[in-house]
Amino acid sequence: MPIYNKLVRDRIPEIIKQTGKKFSTRVLDEKEYIDEVKKKRRNN
């Protein structure tokens, strides 16, 4: 299974679950979230 380290919006995990696909998620703490947003902004 490919790994995508992406920030996802509300309800996206629910939508994926409805398709029957396997996935995993976790909630980032504040520092992790800020770091990931900064990475995303640098890459866009």
N, C-alpha and C. Protein backbone atom coordinates (compact mmCIF):
# COMPACT_ATOMS: atom_id res chain seq x y z
N MET A 1 0.85 -1.17 0.00
CA MET A 1 0.00 0.00 0.00
C MET A 1 0.90 1.24 0.00
N PRO A 2 0.65 2.20 -0.90
CA PRO A 2 1.45 3.42 -0.91
C PRO A 2 1.21 4.24 0.36
N ILE A 3 2.21 5.02 0.72
CA ILE A 3 2.09 5.90 1.88
C ILE A 3 2.05 7.34 1.38
N TYR A 4 1.03 8.07 1.80
CA TYR A 4 0.88 9.47 1.46
C TYR A 4 0.84 10.25 2.77
N ASN A 5 1.88 10.99 3.05
CA ASN A 5 1.91 11.81 4.26
C ASN A 5 1.30 13.16 3.91
N LYS A 6 -0.01 13.24 4.03
CA LYS A 6 -0.71 14.45 3.63
C LYS A 6 -1.63 14.92 4.74
N LEU A 7 -1.83 16.22 4.76
CA LEU A 7 -2.85 16.79 5.63
C LEU A 7 -4.18 16.59 4.93
N VAL A 8 -5.19 16.16 5.66
CA VAL A 8 -6.50 15.96 5.06
C VAL A 8 -7.54 16.80 5.77
N ARG A 9 -8.54 17.19 5.01
CA ARG A 9 -9.60 18.03 5.56
C ARG A 9 -10.65 17.17 6.25
N ASP A 10 -11.53 17.86 6.96
CA ASP A 10 -12.63 17.19 7.64
C ASP A 10 -13.40 16.31 6.68
N ARG A 11 -13.84 15.19 7.18
CA ARG A 11 -14.70 14.23 6.49
C ARG A 11 -14.01 13.40 5.42
N ILE A 12 -12.79 13.73 5.01
CA ILE A 12 -12.11 12.92 4.00
C ILE A 12 -11.95 11.47 4.48
N PRO A 13 -11.51 11.23 5.73
CA PRO A 13 -11.43 9.84 6.18
C PRO A 13 -12.78 9.12 6.09
N GLU A 14 -13.87 9.82 6.40
CA GLU A 14 -15.20 9.21 6.31
C GLU A 14 -15.51 8.81 4.87
N ILE A 15 -15.17 9.67 3.93
CA ILE A 15 -15.42 9.40 2.52
C ILE A 15 -14.61 8.20 2.05
N ILE A 16 -13.35 8.14 2.45
CA ILE A 16 -12.50 7.00 2.07
C ILE A 16 -13.06 5.71 2.67
N LYS A 17 -13.49 5.79 3.93
CA LYS A 17 -14.04 4.61 4.61
C LYS A 17 -15.26 4.08 3.86
N GLN A 18 -16.09 4.97 3.35
CA GLN A 18 -17.30 4.56 2.62
C GLN A 18 -16.96 3.78 1.35
N THR A 19 -15.78 4.01 0.79
CA THR A 19 -15.38 3.29 -0.43
C THR A 19 -14.87 1.88 -0.12
N GLY A 20 -14.64 1.60 1.17
CA GLY A 20 -14.15 0.29 1.56
C GLY A 20 -12.64 0.15 1.50
N LYS A 21 -11.94 1.22 1.17
CA LYS A 21 -10.48 1.16 1.09
C LYS A 21 -9.89 1.19 2.50
N LYS A 22 -8.71 0.57 2.62
CA LYS A 22 -8.00 0.58 3.90
C LYS A 22 -7.14 1.83 3.99
N PHE A 23 -7.07 2.42 5.17
CA PHE A 23 -6.27 3.62 5.38
C PHE A 23 -6.03 3.79 6.87
N SER A 24 -5.14 4.68 7.21
CA SER A 24 -4.95 5.03 8.61
C SER A 24 -4.73 6.53 8.70
N THR A 25 -5.13 7.07 9.82
CA THR A 25 -4.96 8.51 10.07
C THR A 25 -4.49 8.70 11.50
N ARG A 26 -4.03 9.89 11.76
CA ARG A 26 -3.74 10.27 13.14
C ARG A 26 -3.87 11.78 13.24
N VAL A 27 -4.15 12.26 14.43
CA VAL A 27 -4.28 13.69 14.68
C VAL A 27 -2.92 14.21 15.13
N LEU A 28 -2.45 15.26 14.46
CA LEU A 28 -1.16 15.85 14.80
C LEU A 28 -1.31 16.77 16.01
N ASP A 29 -0.25 16.85 16.80
CA ASP A 29 -0.28 17.87 17.85
C ASP A 29 0.01 19.22 17.19
N GLU A 30 -0.09 20.28 17.95
CA GLU A 30 0.02 21.63 17.38
C GLU A 30 1.35 21.86 16.67
N LYS A 31 2.45 21.45 17.28
CA LYS A 31 3.76 21.67 16.66
C LYS A 31 3.89 20.89 15.36
N GLU A 32 3.46 19.63 15.37
CA GLU A 32 3.52 18.82 14.15
C GLU A 32 2.69 19.45 13.04
N TYR A 33 1.50 19.93 13.41
CA TYR A 33 0.61 20.55 12.42
C TYR A 33 1.26 21.77 11.79
N ILE A 34 1.81 22.64 12.61
CA ILE A 34 2.47 23.85 12.11
C ILE A 34 3.63 23.48 11.20
N ASP A 35 4.44 22.52 11.60
CA ASP A 35 5.57 22.07 10.77
C ASP A 35 5.08 21.56 9.41
N GLU A 36 4.02 20.77 9.40
CA GLU A 36 3.50 20.21 8.15
C GLU A 36 2.90 21.29 7.26
N VAL A 37 2.22 22.26 7.83
CA VAL A 37 1.67 23.36 7.04
C VAL A 37 2.81 24.16 6.40
N LYS A 38 3.87 24.39 7.16
CA LYS A 38 5.02 25.11 6.61
C LYS A 38 5.63 24.35 5.44
N LYS A 39 5.77 23.02 5.58
CA LYS A 39 6.30 22.20 4.48
C LYS A 39 5.42 22.31 3.25
N LYS A 40 4.12 22.25 3.46
CA LYS A 40 3.17 22.31 2.35
C LYS A 40 3.27 23.65 1.64
N ARG A 41 3.40 24.72 2.39
CA ARG A 41 3.49 26.06 1.78
C ARG A 41 4.78 26.21 0.98
N ARG A 42 5.87 25.60 1.45
CA ARG A 42 7.14 25.67 0.71
C ARG A 42 7.06 24.94 -0.61
N ASN A 43 6.29 23.87 -0.65
CA ASN A 43 6.20 23.03 -1.85
C ASN A 43 5.18 23.53 -2.86
N ASN A 44 4.41 24.52 -2.53
CA ASN A 44 3.39 25.02 -3.47
C ASN A 44 3.79 26.31 -4.09
